[in-house]
Protein backbone atom coordinates (compact mmCIF):
# COMPACT_ATOMS: atom_id res chain seq x y z
CA MET A 1 -36.58 -52.32 -96.58
CA ALA A 2 -35.82 -55.89 -97.33
CA GLN A 3 -32.67 -56.82 -99.53
CA SER A 4 -33.15 -58.55 -102.68
CA PRO A 5 -31.46 -62.09 -102.88
CA GLU A 6 -28.69 -60.84 -105.10
CA SER A 7 -27.94 -57.90 -102.79
CA SER A 8 -28.07 -60.22 -99.68
CA THR A 9 -25.49 -62.48 -101.33
CA PHE A 10 -23.20 -59.66 -102.25
CA VAL A 11 -23.14 -58.33 -98.82
CA GLU A 12 -22.54 -61.98 -97.34
CA ARG A 13 -19.58 -62.08 -99.76
CA LEU A 14 -18.22 -58.65 -98.54
CA LEU A 15 -18.76 -59.85 -95.04
CA SER A 16 -16.49 -62.99 -95.72
CA GLY A 17 -13.94 -60.79 -97.16
CA ASP A 18 -14.24 -62.03 -100.63
CA ALA A 19 -11.82 -59.87 -102.74
CA HIS A 20 -14.17 -60.06 -105.89
CA ALA A 21 -17.11 -58.79 -103.97
CA PHE A 22 -14.90 -55.66 -102.90
CA ASP A 23 -14.10 -55.17 -106.79
CA GLU A 24 -17.84 -55.31 -107.27
CA LEU A 25 -18.33 -52.77 -104.51
CA VAL A 26 -16.15 -50.46 -106.48
CA GLU A 27 -17.96 -51.10 -109.77
CA ARG A 28 -21.45 -50.62 -108.12
CA TYR A 29 -20.96 -47.66 -106.00
CA ALA A 30 -17.72 -45.63 -107.03
CA GLY A 31 -19.56 -43.73 -109.67
CA ARG A 32 -22.60 -43.09 -107.40
CA CYS A 33 -20.34 -42.10 -104.64
CA TYR A 34 -18.42 -39.86 -106.71
CA GLY A 35 -21.52 -37.86 -107.92
CA TYR A 36 -22.78 -37.74 -104.53
CA PHE A 37 -19.60 -36.08 -103.13
CA TYR A 38 -19.42 -33.95 -106.15
CA ARG A 39 -22.72 -32.50 -105.78
CA LEU A 40 -21.93 -31.57 -102.02
CA CYS A 41 -18.71 -30.02 -102.76
CA GLY A 42 -18.48 -29.21 -106.49
CA ASP A 43 -14.74 -30.26 -106.59
CA PRO A 44 -13.65 -33.04 -108.59
CA GLU A 45 -10.42 -33.66 -106.79
CA VAL A 46 -11.98 -33.58 -103.38
CA SER A 47 -14.70 -35.89 -104.67
CA GLU A 48 -12.22 -38.46 -105.60
CA GLU A 49 -10.37 -38.37 -102.48
CA LEU A 50 -13.40 -38.59 -100.67
CA VAL A 51 -14.48 -41.61 -102.80
CA SER A 52 -11.21 -43.53 -102.16
CA GLU A 53 -11.31 -42.52 -98.35
CA LEU A 54 -14.94 -44.18 -98.33
CA LEU A 55 -14.08 -47.15 -100.06
CA ALA A 56 -11.12 -47.74 -97.60
CA LYS A 57 -13.26 -46.96 -94.68
CA LEU A 58 -15.88 -49.50 -96.08
CA VAL A 59 -13.31 -52.20 -96.16
CA GLU A 60 -12.55 -51.47 -92.52
CA LYS A 61 -16.33 -51.17 -91.33
CA VAL A 62 -18.25 -53.62 -93.38
CA LYS A 63 -18.07 -56.02 -90.24
CA THR A 64 -20.31 -53.35 -88.60
CA PHE A 65 -23.24 -53.77 -91.15
CA ASP A 66 -25.94 -55.12 -89.12
CA GLY A 67 -28.57 -55.91 -91.90
CA GLY A 68 -31.19 -53.56 -93.73
CA SER A 69 -30.61 -51.74 -96.89
CA PHE A 70 -26.76 -51.92 -97.90
CA ASP A 71 -27.29 -48.67 -99.92
CA LYS A 72 -28.62 -46.68 -96.88
CA TRP A 73 -25.81 -47.84 -94.81
CA LEU A 74 -23.32 -47.26 -97.31
CA PHE A 75 -24.56 -43.69 -97.87
CA THR A 76 -24.74 -43.08 -94.17
CA VAL A 77 -20.96 -43.99 -93.86
CA ALA A 78 -20.44 -41.62 -97.08
CA SER A 79 -22.59 -38.72 -95.41
CA ASN A 80 -20.62 -38.95 -92.18
CA LEU A 81 -17.37 -39.09 -94.08
CA PHE A 82 -18.32 -35.76 -95.90
CA ARG A 83 -19.18 -34.09 -92.52
CA ASP A 84 -15.88 -35.00 -91.10
CA HIS A 85 -14.16 -33.69 -94.34
CA LEU A 86 -16.18 -30.29 -93.68
CA ARG A 87 -15.15 -30.30 -90.05
CA ARG A 88 -11.48 -30.72 -91.19
CA LYS A 89 -11.75 -28.19 -93.63
CA TYR A 90 -13.21 -25.53 -91.35
CA ARG A 91 -10.62 -26.42 -88.56
CA TYR A 92 -7.89 -25.58 -91.08
CA LYS A 93 -9.36 -22.34 -92.07
CA ARG A 94 -9.71 -21.55 -88.36
CA LEU A 95 -6.07 -22.47 -87.79
CA LEU A 96 -5.04 -20.31 -90.70
CA ASP A 97 -7.17 -17.42 -89.29
CA GLU A 98 -5.95 -17.79 -85.85
CA SER A 99 -2.27 -18.10 -86.97
CA ALA A 100 -2.60 -15.05 -89.12
CA ALA A 101 -4.15 -12.87 -86.20
CA GLN A 102 -1.56 -14.10 -83.86
CA GLN A 103 1.39 -13.20 -86.20
CA GLN A 104 -0.33 -9.76 -86.71
CA ARG A 105 -0.20 -9.11 -83.14
CA GLN A 106 3.32 -10.24 -82.79
CA SER A 107 4.27 -7.84 -85.55
CA GLY A 108 2.69 -4.98 -83.78
CA ALA A 109 0.49 -2.30 -85.14
CA SER A 110 3.43 -0.64 -87.00
CA ASP A 111 3.54 -3.41 -89.69
CA SER A 112 1.32 -2.29 -92.39
CA VAL A 113 0.76 -5.99 -93.71
CA GLY A 114 -2.92 -6.86 -93.45
CA SER A 115 -4.51 -9.95 -92.00
CA GLU A 116 -5.51 -11.09 -95.44
CA GLU A 117 -1.82 -11.06 -96.61
CA ILE A 118 -0.68 -12.87 -93.42
CA PHE A 119 -3.23 -15.40 -94.02
CA ASP A 120 -2.29 -15.82 -97.72
CA ARG A 121 1.20 -16.19 -96.52
CA LEU A 122 0.52 -18.73 -93.87
CA GLN A 123 -1.55 -20.63 -96.11
CA TRP A 124 1.15 -20.78 -98.89
CA ALA A 125 3.51 -21.88 -96.09
CA LEU A 126 1.58 -24.62 -94.86
CA LYS A 127 1.04 -25.85 -98.51
CA LYS A 128 4.80 -26.02 -98.95
CA LEU A 129 5.31 -28.22 -95.85
CA ASP A 130 4.68 -31.93 -96.40
CA LYS A 131 1.25 -33.02 -95.91
CA GLU A 132 2.20 -34.88 -92.61
CA THR A 133 3.92 -31.87 -91.02
CA SER A 134 1.12 -29.57 -91.93
CA GLU A 135 -1.57 -32.02 -90.59
CA LEU A 136 0.38 -32.39 -87.25
CA LEU A 137 0.75 -28.82 -86.90
CA MET A 138 -3.13 -28.28 -87.54
CA LEU A 139 -4.03 -30.90 -85.17
CA ARG A 140 -1.53 -29.72 -82.47
CA TYR A 141 -2.28 -25.95 -82.70
CA TYR A 142 -5.89 -25.88 -83.98
CA SER A 143 -7.62 -28.68 -82.28
CA GLN A 144 -5.43 -28.38 -79.22
CA THR A 145 -4.36 -32.11 -79.48
CA SER A 146 -1.91 -32.88 -77.04
CA PHE A 147 1.49 -34.28 -77.71
CA LYS A 148 0.58 -37.54 -76.00
CA GLU A 149 -2.70 -37.87 -78.18
CA LEU A 150 -0.79 -37.13 -81.43
CA ALA A 151 1.81 -39.67 -80.54
CA GLU A 152 -0.81 -42.22 -79.82
CA MET A 153 -2.78 -41.45 -83.01
CA ARG A 154 0.45 -42.00 -84.94
CA ASN A 155 1.74 -44.97 -83.16
CA GLU A 156 5.08 -43.42 -82.45
CA PRO A 157 6.89 -42.20 -78.92
CA VAL A 158 5.99 -38.75 -77.72
CA GLY A 159 9.55 -37.43 -78.06
CA THR A 160 9.36 -38.26 -82.05
CA THR A 161 6.09 -36.32 -82.12
CA LEU A 162 7.70 -33.44 -80.27
CA SER A 163 10.52 -33.45 -82.51
CA LYS A 164 8.30 -33.40 -85.74
CA VAL A 165 6.13 -30.57 -84.47
CA HIS A 166 9.22 -28.54 -83.72
CA ARG A 167 10.92 -29.14 -86.90
CA GLY A 168 7.70 -28.31 -88.67
CA LEU A 169 7.27 -25.03 -86.64
CA LYS A 170 10.87 -24.09 -87.53
CA ARG A 171 10.31 -24.90 -91.18
CA LEU A 172 7.10 -22.83 -91.16
CA ARG A 173 8.80 -19.83 -89.77
CA LEU A 174 11.41 -19.97 -92.15
CA LEU A 175 9.01 -20.11 -95.01
CA MET A 176 6.96 -17.21 -93.54
CA GLU A 177 9.96 -15.04 -93.30
CA ASP A 178 11.09 -15.87 -96.84
CA VAL A 179 7.76 -14.52 -98.16
CA ARG A 180 8.10 -11.14 -96.44
């Protein structure tokens, strides 16, 4: 599909880093992208977060646009972003499920607390942690990301990452004990 001359000029301006073109990008596509994400997830807050993340990603990735339909390229990036969101959400749920099961195993059969209650407590405790710590623990213990990989992702020394994970686990344990 060929681009209109107006679209072609818009894309050229984006590629050259024209700040007004990025403003125009927001004006042209933010509403449509919000609608797209909202129809997929049904959550206004998540939709807004995804639009913000998409616009930031487009600023980074606009140089990878190699012609064709800009709309198609943009919504391909949006679709990939939504799939990533679903993967993160699924990983988070699995982390909570696995942690609840592990805690139940550790507490023994004599504990009458059900796995749903443990899951709820763990979810509550993870929400009480700051976002950075919660994400760090999920990456480490759900997705089995090594400390070295975590440190590289965060551009910090491995020792700093180890310390943050250790402090996060300690805080999580305290929160979990307080809920009992």
